Amino acid sequence: MITLSHYLIVSGLLFALGLAGVVARRNIIIIYMCLEMMLSAANLTLVAFSRFHVLAGLPDYSAQALVFFTITVAAAEVAVGLAIIVALYRSKQSVEVESVTKLQG
């Protein structure tokens, strides 16, 4: 049987993998994907806690409602973030972090 700790372990591994990708990578698109992975790990944790928190014999779905809002915000973040990445690529002709951090024209 799958317990809450199984979900939390998977969520923790996803978050750690995303954090390692953000710290270690130099490509902006990979960093952006790792940030989204970290957000998904947080959503998995919210859903797991919501599922295993029982009130009057039924699961408490209030945290799952919060997940819908975070998914909506993540969708807007993807649209804006990818637009910024495309604009940076057009101006610098690269998606590497070093080319973006230089404030020279």
PDB file of N, CA and C in Angstrom:
ATOM      1  N   MET A   1       0.840  -1.181   0.000  1.00  0.00           N
ATOM      2  CA  MET A   1       0.000   0.000   0.000  1.00  0.00           C
ATOM      3  C   MET A   1       0.889   1.251   0.000  1.00  0.00           C
ATOM      4  N   ILE A   2       0.491   2.221  -0.774  1.00  0.00           N
ATOM      5  CA  ILE A   2       1.249   3.461  -0.866  1.00  0.00           C
ATOM      6  C   ILE A   2       0.808   4.402   0.259  1.00  0.00           C
ATOM      7  N   THR A   3       1.789   4.877   1.014  1.00  0.00           N
ATOM      8  CA  THR A   3       1.491   5.755   2.143  1.00  0.00           C
ATOM      9  C   THR A   3       1.924   7.181   1.822  1.00  0.00           C
ATOM     10  N   LEU A   4       1.660   8.052   2.760  1.00  0.00           N
ATOM     11  CA  LEU A   4       2.036   9.458   2.605  1.00  0.00           C
ATOM     12  C   LEU A   4       3.546   9.605   2.463  1.00  0.00           C
ATOM     13  N   SER A   5       4.291   8.807   3.189  1.00  0.00           N
ATOM     14  CA  SER A   5       5.752   8.922   3.118  1.00  0.00           C
ATOM     15  C   SER A   5       6.282   8.591   1.725  1.00  0.00           C
ATOM     16  N   HIS A   6       5.631   7.678   1.014  1.00  0.00           N
ATOM     17  CA  HIS A   6       6.055   7.379  -0.359  1.00  0.00           C
ATOM     18  C   HIS A   6       5.899   8.615  -1.252  1.00  0.00           C
ATOM     19  N   TYR A   7       4.770   9.276  -1.127  1.00  0.00           N
ATOM     20  CA  TYR A   7       4.549  10.493  -1.915  1.00  0.00           C
ATOM     21  C   TYR A   7       5.557  11.579  -1.554  1.00  0.00           C
ATOM     22  N   LEU A   8       5.839  11.715  -0.268  1.00  0.00           N
ATOM     23  CA  LEU A   8       6.781  12.744   0.163  1.00  0.00           C
ATOM     24  C   LEU A   8       8.203  12.435  -0.290  1.00  0.00           C
ATOM     25  N   ILE A   9       8.569  11.181  -0.342  1.00  0.00           N
ATOM     26  CA  ILE A   9       9.899  10.810  -0.834  1.00  0.00           C
ATOM     27  C   ILE A   9      10.022  11.140  -2.317  1.00  0.00           C
ATOM     28  N   VAL A  10       9.004  10.785  -3.106  1.00  0.00           N
ATOM     29  CA  VAL A  10       9.036  11.104  -4.536  1.00  0.00           C
ATOM     30  C   VAL A  10       9.066  12.613  -4.746  1.00  0.00           C
ATOM     31  N   SER A  11       8.263  13.326  -3.972  1.00  0.00           N
ATOM     32  CA  SER A  11       8.240  14.783  -4.087  1.00  0.00           C
ATOM     33  C   SER A  11       9.588  15.390  -3.702  1.00  0.00           C
ATOM     34  N   GLY A  12      10.192  14.887  -2.647  1.00  0.00           N
ATOM     35  CA  GLY A  12      11.499  15.378  -2.231  1.00  0.00           C
ATOM     36  C   GLY A  12      12.577  15.100  -3.265  1.00  0.00           C
ATOM     37  N   LEU A  13      12.523  13.919  -3.891  1.00  0.00           N
ATOM     38  CA  LEU A  13      13.493  13.595  -4.939  1.00  0.00           C
ATOM     39  C   LEU A  13      13.301  14.487  -6.164  1.00  0.00           C
ATOM     40  N   LEU A  14      12.056  14.728  -6.544  1.00  0.00           N
ATOM     41  CA  LEU A  14      11.791  15.635  -7.662  1.00  0.00           C
ATOM     42  C   LEU A  14      12.289  17.042  -7.369  1.00  0.00           C
ATOM     43  N   PHE A  15      12.037  17.503  -6.149  1.00  0.00           N
ATOM     44  CA  PHE A  15      12.481  18.845  -5.775  1.00  0.00           C
ATOM     45  C   PHE A  15      14.005  18.926  -5.759  1.00  0.00           C
ATOM     46  N   ALA A  16      14.658  17.894  -5.199  1.00  0.00           N
ATOM     47  CA  ALA A  16      16.124  17.888  -5.144  1.00  0.00           C
ATOM     48  C   ALA A  16      16.725  17.828  -6.541  1.00  0.00           C
ATOM     49  N   LEU A  17      16.122  17.048  -7.426  1.00  0.00           N
ATOM     50  CA  LEU A  17      16.604  16.969  -8.800  1.00  0.00           C
ATOM     51  C   LEU A  17      16.442  18.308  -9.516  1.00  0.00           C
ATOM     52  N   GLY A  18      15.321  18.967  -9.279  1.00  0.00           N
ATOM     53  CA  GLY A  18      15.112  20.295  -9.858  1.00  0.00           C
ATOM     54  C   GLY A  18      16.084  21.319  -9.307  1.00  0.00           C
ATOM     55  N   LEU A  19      16.326  21.276  -8.019  1.00  0.00           N
ATOM     56  CA  LEU A  19      17.277  22.199  -7.399  1.00  0.00           C
ATOM     57  C   LEU A  19      18.688  21.973  -7.921  1.00  0.00           C
ATOM     58  N   ALA A  20      19.075  20.718  -8.076  1.00  0.00           N
ATOM     59  CA  ALA A  20      20.400  20.411  -8.618  1.00  0.00           C
ATOM     60  C   ALA A  20      20.520  20.921 -10.054  1.00  0.00           C
ATOM     61  N   GLY A  21      19.442  20.806 -10.823  1.00  0.00           N
ATOM     62  CA  GLY A  21      19.463  21.307 -12.195  1.00  0.00           C
ATOM     63  C   GLY A  21      19.587  22.822 -12.252  1.00  0.00           C
ATOM     64  N   VAL A  22      18.917  23.504 -11.346  1.00  0.00           N
ATOM     65  CA  VAL A  22      18.999  24.968 -11.319  1.00  0.00           C
ATOM     66  C   VAL A  22      20.400  25.416 -10.942  1.00  0.00           C
ATOM     67  N   VAL A  23      21.009  24.744  -9.991  1.00  0.00           N
ATOM     68  CA  VAL A  23      22.334  25.143  -9.519  1.00  0.00           C
ATOM     69  C   VAL A  23      23.422  24.768 -10.520  1.00  0.00           C
ATOM     70  N   ALA A  24      23.308  23.610 -11.147  1.00  0.00           N
ATOM     71  CA  ALA A  24      24.409  23.085 -11.953  1.00  0.00           C
ATOM     72  C   ALA A  24      24.373  23.497 -13.420  1.00  0.00           C
ATOM     73  N   ARG A  25      23.232  23.759 -13.964  1.00  0.00           N
ATOM     74  CA  ARG A  25      23.127  23.995 -15.405  1.00  0.00           C
ATOM     75  C   ARG A  25      23.411  25.443 -15.771  1.00  0.00           C
ATOM     76  N   ARG A  26      23.769  25.641 -17.038  1.00  0.00           N
ATOM     77  CA  ARG A  26      24.068  26.972 -17.543  1.00  0.00           C
ATOM     78  C   ARG A  26      23.105  27.406 -18.643  1.00  0.00           C
ATOM     79  N   ASN A  27      22.267  26.506 -19.108  1.00  0.00           N
ATOM     80  CA  ASN A  27      21.302  26.817 -20.151  1.00  0.00           C
ATOM     81  C   ASN A  27      20.014  27.330 -19.507  1.00  0.00           C
ATOM     82  N   ILE A  28      19.529  28.470 -19.960  1.00  0.00           N
ATOM     83  CA  ILE A  28      18.353  29.089 -19.344  1.00  0.00           C
ATOM     84  C   ILE A  28      17.122  28.211 -19.490  1.00  0.00           C
ATOM     85  N   ILE A  29      16.979  27.532 -20.612  1.00  0.00           N
ATOM     86  CA  ILE A  29      15.797  26.693 -20.830  1.00  0.00           C
ATOM     87  C   ILE A  29      15.807  25.500 -19.877  1.00  0.00           C
ATOM     88  N   ILE A  30      16.965  24.898 -19.662  1.00  0.00           N
ATOM     89  CA  ILE A  30      17.066  23.783 -18.714  1.00  0.00           C
ATOM     90  C   ILE A  30      16.776  24.265 -17.295  1.00  0.00           C
ATOM     91  N   ILE A  31      17.291  25.420 -16.943  1.00  0.00           N
ATOM     92  CA  ILE A  31      17.022  25.988 -15.617  1.00  0.00           C
ATOM     93  C   ILE A  31      15.530  26.229 -15.444  1.00  0.00           C
ATOM     94  N   TYR A  32      14.901  26.732 -16.482  1.00  0.00           N
ATOM     95  CA  TYR A  32      13.462  27.006 -16.430  1.00  0.00           C
ATOM     96  C   TYR A  32      12.664  25.712 -16.261  1.00  0.00           C
ATOM     97  N   MET A  33      13.067  24.659 -16.960  1.00  0.00           N
ATOM     98  CA  MET A  33      12.389  23.368 -16.818  1.00  0.00           C
ATOM     99  C   MET A  33      12.578  22.799 -15.413  1.00  0.00           C
ATOM    100  N   CYS A  34      13.748  23.003 -14.832  1.00  0.00           N
ATOM    101  CA  CYS A  34      14.000  22.525 -13.474  1.00  0.00           C
ATOM    102  C   CYS A  34      13.171  23.301 -12.453  1.00  0.00           C
ATOM    103  N   LEU A  35      12.974  24.594 -12.686  1.00  0.00           N
ATOM    104  CA  LEU A  35      12.095  25.372 -11.800  1.00  0.00           C
ATOM    105  C   LEU A  35      10.663  24.855 -11.867  1.00  0.00           C
ATOM    106  N   GLU A  36      10.210  24.495 -13.052  1.00  0.00           N
ATOM    107  CA  GLU A  36       8.866  23.929 -13.197  1.00  0.00           C
ATOM    108  C   GLU A  36       8.768  22.569 -12.507  1.00  0.00           C
ATOM    109  N   MET A  37       9.859  21.801 -12.533  1.00  0.00           N
ATOM    110  CA  MET A  37       9.871  20.512 -11.840  1.00  0.00           C
ATOM    111  C   MET A  37       9.747  20.715 -10.334  1.00  0.00           C
ATOM    112  N   MET A  38      10.409  21.749  -9.819  1.00  0.00           N
ATOM    113  CA  MET A  38      10.304  22.048  -8.394  1.00  0.00           C
ATOM    114  C   MET A  38       8.878  22.457  -8.024  1.00  0.00           C
ATOM    115  N   LEU A  39       8.231  23.210  -8.893  1.00  0.00           N
ATOM    116  CA  LEU A  39       6.838  23.599  -8.649  1.00  0.00           C
ATOM    117  C   LEU A  39       5.926  22.372  -8.673  1.00  0.00           C
ATOM    118  N   SER A  40       6.180  21.444  -9.569  1.00  0.00           N
ATOM    119  CA  SER A  40       5.388  20.214  -9.626  1.00  0.00           C
ATOM    120  C   SER A  40       5.592  19.368  -8.369  1.00  0.00           C
ATOM    121  N   ALA A  41       6.805  19.359  -7.842  1.00  0.00           N
ATOM    122  CA  ALA A  41       7.064  18.631  -6.600  1.00  0.00           C
ATOM    123  C   ALA A  41       6.279  19.237  -5.439  1.00  0.00           C
ATOM    124  N   ALA A  42       6.211  20.544  -5.391  1.00  0.00           N
ATOM    125  CA  ALA A  42       5.420  21.203  -4.342  1.00  0.00           C
ATOM    126  C   ALA A  42       3.933  20.885  -4.506  1.00  0.00           C
ATOM    127  N   ASN A  43       3.449  20.852  -5.754  1.00  0.00           N
ATOM    128  CA  ASN A  43       2.052  20.497  -5.991  1.00  0.00           C
ATOM    129  C   ASN A  43       1.768  19.059  -5.585  1.00  0.00           C
ATOM    130  N   LEU A  44       2.699  18.152  -5.860  1.00  0.00           N
ATOM    131  CA  LEU A  44       2.529  16.757  -5.450  1.00  0.00           C
ATOM    132  C   LEU A  44       2.435  16.648  -3.935  1.00  0.00           C
ATOM    133  N   THR A  45       3.237  17.419  -3.232  1.00  0.00           N
ATOM    134  CA  THR A  45       3.177  17.419  -1.773  1.00  0.00           C
ATOM    135  C   THR A  45       1.830  17.923  -1.280  1.00  0.00           C
ATOM    136  N   LEU A  46       1.333  18.986  -1.872  1.00  0.00           N
ATOM    137  CA  LEU A  46       0.021  19.513  -1.473  1.00  0.00           C
ATOM    138  C   LEU A  46      -1.085  18.491  -1.708  1.00  0.00           C
ATOM    139  N   VAL A  47      -1.064  17.835  -2.854  1.00  0.00           N
ATOM    140  CA  VAL A  47      -2.091  16.841  -3.153  1.00  0.00           C
ATOM    141  C   VAL A  47      -1.994  15.648  -2.207  1.00  0.00           C
ATOM    142  N   ALA A  48      -0.775  15.217  -1.902  1.00  0.00           N
ATOM    143  CA  ALA A  48      -0.593  14.084  -0.998  1.00  0.00           C
ATOM    144  C   ALA A  48      -1.104  14.415   0.405  1.00  0.00           C
ATOM    145  N   PHE A  49      -0.760  15.589   0.917  1.00  0.00           N
ATOM    146  CA  PHE A  49      -1.258  15.964   2.240  1.00  0.00           C
ATOM    147  C   PHE A  49      -2.770  16.109   2.237  1.00  0.00           C
ATOM    148  N   SER A  50      -3.308  16.633   1.156  1.00  0.00           N
ATOM    149  CA  SER A  50      -4.755  16.781   1.067  1.00  0.00           C
ATOM    150  C   SER A  50      -5.447  15.421   1.036  1.00  0.00           C
ATOM    151  N   ARG A  51      -4.859  14.479   0.325  1.00  0.00           N
ATOM    152  CA  ARG A  51      -5.473  13.160   0.194  1.00  0.00           C
ATOM    153  C   ARG A  51      -5.442  12.389   1.499  1.00  0.00           C
ATOM    154  N   PHE A  52      -4.376  12.501   2.249  1.00  0.00           N
ATOM    155  CA  PHE A  52      -4.244  11.723   3.477  1.00  0.00           C
ATOM    156  C   PHE A  52      -4.774  12.445   4.712  1.00  0.00           C
ATOM    157  N   HIS A  53      -5.255  13.670   4.574  1.00  0.00           N
ATOM    158  CA  HIS A  53      -5.878  14.382   5.697  1.00  0.00           C
ATOM    159  C   HIS A  53      -7.377  14.115   5.633  1.00  0.00           C
ATOM    160  N   VAL A  54      -7.877  13.315   6.547  1.00  0.00           N
ATOM    161  CA  VAL A  54      -9.270  12.862   6.505  1.00  0.00           C
ATOM    162  C   VAL A  54     -10.096  13.639   7.528  1.00  0.00           C
ATOM    163  N   LEU A  55     -11.239  14.176   7.064  1.00  0.00           N
ATOM    164  CA  LEU A  55     -12.197  14.858   7.926  1.00  0.00           C
ATOM    165  C   LEU A  55     -13.542  14.164   7.783  1.00  0.00           C
ATOM    166  N   ALA A  56     -14.076  13.662   8.874  1.00  0.00           N
ATOM    167  CA  ALA A  56     -15.379  13.000   8.907  1.00  0.00           C
ATOM    168  C   ALA A  56     -15.445  11.840   7.908  1.00  0.00           C
ATOM    169  N   GLY A  57     -14.358  11.099   7.788  1.00  0.00           N
ATOM    170  CA  GLY A  57     -14.333   9.939   6.916  1.00  0.00           C
ATOM    171  C   GLY A  57     -14.075  10.229   5.449  1.00  0.00           C
ATOM    172  N   LEU A  58     -13.952  11.504   5.070  1.00  0.00           N
ATOM    173  CA  LEU A  58     -13.704  11.877   3.682  1.00  0.00           C
ATOM    174  C   LEU A  58     -12.398  12.660   3.579  1.00  0.00           C
ATOM    175  N   PRO A  59     -11.696  12.528   2.451  1.00  0.00           N
ATOM    176  CA  PRO A  59     -10.470  13.327   2.281  1.00  0.00           C
ATOM    177  C   PRO A  59     -10.784  14.815   2.230  1.00  0.00           C
ATOM    178  N   ASP A  60      -9.877  15.612   2.748  1.00  0.00           N
ATOM    179  CA  ASP A  60     -10.016  17.067   2.726  1.00  0.00           C
ATOM    180  C   ASP A  60      -9.399  17.587   1.429  1.00  0.00           C
ATOM    181  N   TYR A  61     -10.232  18.110   0.547  1.00  0.00           N
ATOM    182  CA  TYR A  61      -9.769  18.523  -0.771  1.00  0.00           C
ATOM    183  C   TYR A  61      -9.426  20.010  -0.866  1.00  0.00           C
ATOM    184  N   SER A  62      -9.294  20.696   0.243  1.00  0.00           N
ATOM    185  CA  SER A  62      -9.017  22.131   0.188  1.00  0.00           C
ATOM    186  C   SER A  62      -7.633  22.434  -0.385  1.00  0.00           C
ATOM    187  N   ALA A  63      -6.646  21.607  -0.084  1.00  0.00           N
ATOM    188  CA  ALA A  63      -5.310  21.843  -0.634  1.00  0.00           C
ATOM    189  C   ALA A  63      -5.275  21.565  -2.129  1.00  0.00           C
ATOM    190  N   GLN A  64      -6.125  20.657  -2.608  1.00  0.00           N
ATOM    191  CA  GLN A  64      -6.169  20.384  -4.037  1.00  0.00           C
ATOM    192  C   GLN A  64      -6.759  21.561  -4.801  1.00  0.00           C
ATOM    193  N   ALA A  65      -7.619  22.320  -4.163  1.00  0.00           N
ATOM    194  CA  ALA A  65      -8.108  23.550  -4.787  1.00  0.00           C
ATOM    195  C   ALA A  65      -6.970  24.560  -4.937  1.00  0.00           C
ATOM    196  N   LEU A  66      -6.078  24.607  -3.969  1.00  0.00           N
ATOM    197  CA  LEU A  66      -4.905  25.480  -4.060  1.00  0.00           C
ATOM    198  C   LEU A  66      -3.994  25.052  -5.206  1.00  0.00           C
ATOM    199  N   VAL A  67      -3.911  23.754  -5.460  1.00  0.00           N
ATOM    200  CA  VAL A  67      -3.088  23.248  -6.557  1.00  0.00           C
ATOM    201  C   VAL A  67      -3.599  23.765  -7.894  1.00  0.00           C
ATOM    202  N   PHE A  68      -4.923  23.862  -8.066  1.00  0.00           N
ATOM    203  CA  PHE A  68      -5.467  24.405  -9.308  1.00  0.00           C
ATOM    204  C   PHE A  68      -5.016  25.844  -9.527  1.00  0.00           C
ATOM    205  N   PHE A  69      -4.962  26.627  -8.471  1.00  0.00           N
ATOM    206  CA  PHE A  69      -4.492  28.005  -8.592  1.00  0.00           C
ATOM    207  C   PHE A  69      -3.001  28.056  -8.923  1.00  0.00           C
ATOM    208  N   THR A  70      -2.205  27.178  -8.323  1.00  0.00           N
ATOM    209  CA  THR A  70      -0.776  27.189  -8.621  1.00  0.00           C
ATOM    210  C   THR A  70      -0.509  26.709 -10.047  1.00  0.00           C
ATOM    211  N   ILE A  71      -1.311  25.786 -10.547  1.00  0.00           N
ATOM    212  CA  ILE A  71      -1.159  25.354 -11.938  1.00  0.00           C
ATOM    213  C   ILE A  71      -1.516  26.495 -12.876  1.00  0.00           C
ATOM    214  N   THR A  72      -2.532  27.266 -12.540  1.00  0.00           N
ATOM    215  CA  THR A  72      -2.909  28.421 -13.360  1.00  0.00           C
ATOM    216  C   THR A  72      -1.798  29.463 -13.375  1.00  0.00           C
ATOM    217  N   VAL A  73      -1.219  29.731 -12.225  1.00  0.00           N
ATOM    218  CA  VAL A  73      -0.116  30.675 -12.149  1.00  0.00           C
ATOM    219  C   VAL A  73       1.096  30.141 -12.912  1.00  0.00           C
ATOM    220  N   ALA A  74       1.337  28.836 -12.834  1.00  0.00           N
ATOM    221  CA  ALA A  74       2.460  28.241 -13.553  1.00  0.00           C
ATOM    222  C   ALA A  74       2.266  28.354 -15.063  1.00  0.00           C
ATOM    223  N   ALA A  75       1.035  28.226 -15.537  1.00  0.00           N
ATOM    224  CA  ALA A  75       0.774  28.373 -16.969  1.00  0.00           C
ATOM    225  C   ALA A  75       1.069  29.800 -17.428  1.00  0.00           C
ATOM    226  N   ALA A  76       0.670  30.770 -16.627  1.00  0.00           N
ATOM    227  CA  ALA A  76       0.979  32.166 -16.964  1.00  0.00           C
ATOM    228  C   ALA A  76       2.487  32.411 -16.888  1.00  0.00           C
ATOM    229  N   GLU A  77       3.143  31.795 -15.918  1.00  0.00           N
ATOM    230  CA  GLU A  77       4.592  31.927 -15.775  1.00  0.00           C
ATOM    231  C   GLU A  77       5.306  31.344 -16.993  1.00  0.00           C
ATOM    232  N   VAL A  78       4.822  30.238 -17.499  1.00  0.00           N
ATOM    233  CA  VAL A  78       5.436  29.624 -18.685  1.00  0.00           C
ATOM    234  C   VAL A  78       5.324  30.558 -19.877  1.00  0.00           C
ATOM    235  N   ALA A  79       4.164  31.149 -20.064  1.00  0.00           N
ATOM    236  CA  ALA A  79       3.976  32.050 -21.205  1.00  0.00           C
ATOM    237  C   ALA A  79       4.911  33.254 -21.117  1.00  0.00           C
ATOM    238  N   VAL A  80       4.970  33.874 -19.963  1.00  0.00           N
ATOM    239  CA  VAL A  80       5.824  35.049 -19.789  1.00  0.00           C
ATOM    240  C   VAL A  80       7.299  34.659 -19.818  1.00  0.00           C
ATOM    241  N   GLY A  81       7.658  33.575 -19.144  1.00  0.00           N
ATOM    242  CA  GLY A  81       9.049  33.147 -19.093  1.00  0.00           C
ATOM    243  C   GLY A  81       9.602  32.771 -20.460  1.00  0.00           C
ATOM    244  N   LEU A  82       8.828  32.036 -21.233  1.00  0.00           N
ATOM    245  CA  LEU A  82       9.301  31.680 -22.572  1.00  0.00           C
ATOM    246  C   LEU A  82       9.392  32.899 -23.477  1.00  0.00           C
ATOM    247  N   ALA A  83       8.503  33.863 -23.306  1.00  0.00           N
ATOM    248  CA  ALA A  83       8.606  35.101 -24.085  1.00  0.00           C
ATOM    249  C   ALA A  83       9.886  35.852 -23.738  1.00  0.00           C
ATOM    250  N   ILE A  84      10.248  35.870 -22.465  1.00  0.00           N
ATOM    251  CA  ILE A  84      11.482  36.529 -22.050  1.00  0.00           C
ATOM    252  C   ILE A  84      12.695  35.784 -22.597  1.00  0.00           C
ATOM    253  N   ILE A  85      12.650  34.456 -22.570  1.00  0.00           N
ATOM    254  CA  ILE A  85      13.769  33.668 -23.093  1.00  0.00           C
ATOM    255  C   ILE A  85      13.923  33.893 -24.595  1.00  0.00           C
ATOM    256  N   VAL A  86      12.822  33.947 -25.332  1.00  0.00           N
ATOM    257  CA  VAL A  86      12.887  34.209 -26.775  1.00  0.00           C
ATOM    258  C   VAL A  86      13.446  35.601 -27.038  1.00  0.00           C
ATOM    259  N   ALA A  87      13.038  36.588 -26.251  1.00  0.00           N
ATOM    260  CA  ALA A  87      13.567  37.943 -26.421  1.00  0.00           C
ATOM    261  C   ALA A  87      15.064  37.995 -26.115  1.00  0.00           C
ATOM    262  N   LEU A  88      15.504  37.295 -25.086  1.00  0.00           N
ATOM    263  CA  LEU A  88      16.937  37.241 -24.775  1.00  0.00           C
ATOM    264  C   LEU A  88      17.711  36.556 -25.890  1.00  0.00           C
ATOM    265  N   TYR A  89      17.144  35.503 -26.448  1.00  0.00           N
ATOM    266  CA  TYR A  89      17.825  34.804 -27.531  1.00  0.00           C
ATOM    267  C   TYR A  89      17.944  35.696 -28.766  1.00  0.00           C
ATOM    268  N   ARG A  90      16.915  36.447 -29.048  1.00  0.00           N
ATOM    269  CA  ARG A  90      16.970  37.342 -30.205  1.00  0.00           C
ATOM    270  C   ARG A  90      17.999  38.453 -30.018  1.00  0.00           C
ATOM    271  N   SER A  91      18.158  38.925 -28.805  1.00  0.00           N
ATOM    272  CA  SER A  91      19.120  40.017 -28.587  1.00  0.00           C
ATOM    273  C   SER A  91      20.551  39.522 -28.409  1.00  0.00           C
ATOM    274  N   LYS A  92      20.759  38.382 -27.768  1.00  0.00           N
ATOM    275  CA  LYS A  92      22.107  37.886 -27.464  1.00  0.00           C
ATOM    276  C   LYS A  92      22.542  36.726 -28.355  1.00  0.00           C
ATOM    277  N   GLN A  93      21.629  36.100 -29.095  1.00  0.00           N
ATOM    278  CA  GLN A  93      21.896  34.931 -29.931  1.00  0.00           C
ATOM    279  C   GLN A  93      22.446  33.747 -29.129  1.00  0.00           C
ATOM    280  N   SER A  94      22.025  33.655 -27.862  1.00  0.00           N
ATOM    281  CA  SER A  94      22.458  32.555 -27.009  1.00  0.00           C
ATOM    282  C   SER A  94      21.476  32.427 -25.849  1.00  0.00           C
ATOM    283  N   VAL A  95      21.368  31.209 -25.320  1.00  0.00           N
ATOM    284  CA  VAL A  95      20.548  31.005 -24.129  1.00  0.00           C
ATOM    285  C   VAL A  95      21.406  30.568 -22.945  1.00  0.00           C
ATOM    286  N   GLU A  96      22.696  30.840 -23.012  1.00  0.00           N
ATOM    287  CA  GLU A  96      23.591  30.528 -21.906  1.00  0.00           C
ATOM    288  C   GLU A  96      23.543  31.646 -20.871  1.00  0.00           C
ATOM    289  N   VAL A  97      23.696  31.279 -19.619  1.00  0.00           N
ATOM    290  CA  VAL A  97      23.578  32.234 -18.519  1.00  0.00           C
ATOM    291  C   VAL A  97      24.662  33.299 -18.586  1.00  0.00           C
ATOM    292  N   GLU A  98      25.883  32.925 -18.978  1.00  0.00           N
ATOM    293  CA  GLU A  98      26.984  33.887 -19.008  1.00  0.00           C
ATOM    294  C   GLU A  98      26.716  35.024 -19.988  1.00  0.00           C
ATOM    295  N   SER A  99      26.096  34.718 -21.123  1.00  0.00           N
ATOM    296  CA  SER A  99      25.840  35.777 -22.113  1.00  0.00           C
ATOM    297  C   SER A  99      24.742  36.727 -21.651  1.00  0.00           C
ATOM    298  N   VAL A 100      23.876  36.268 -20.781  1.00  0.00           N
ATOM    299  CA  VAL A 100      22.786  37.125 -20.297  1.00  0.00           C
ATOM    300  C   VAL A 100      23.231  37.971 -19.115  1.00  0.00           C
ATOM    301  N   THR A 101      24.143  37.462 -18.295  1.00  0.00           N
ATOM    302  CA  THR A 101      24.536  38.199 -17.098  1.00  0.00           C
ATOM    303  C   THR A 101      25.432  39.382 -17.404  1.00  0.00           C
ATOM    304  N   LYS A 102      26.039  39.399 -18.562  1.00  0.00           N
ATOM    305  CA  LYS A 102      26.846  40.563 -18.939  1.00  0.00           C
ATOM    306  C   LYS A 102      25.938  41.701 -19.346  1.00  0.00           C
ATOM    307  N   LEU A 103      26.151  42.850 -18.779  1.00  0.00           N
ATOM    308  CA  LEU A 103      25.283  43.993 -19.053  1.00  0.00           C
ATOM    309  C   LEU A 103      25.840  44.887 -20.159  1.00  0.00           C
ATOM    310  N   GLN A 104      26.594  44.286 -21.033  1.00  0.00           N
ATOM    311  CA  GLN A 104      27.141  45.027 -22.151  1.00  0.00           C
ATOM    312  C   GLN A 104      26.247  44.834 -23.369  1.00  0.00           C
ATOM    313  N   GLY A 105      26.157  45.840 -24.217  1.00  0.00           N
ATOM    314  CA  GLY A 105      25.300  45.782 -25.400  1.00  0.00           C
ATOM    315  C   GLY A 105      25.906  45.008 -26.446  1.00  0.00           C
TER     316      GLY A 105
END
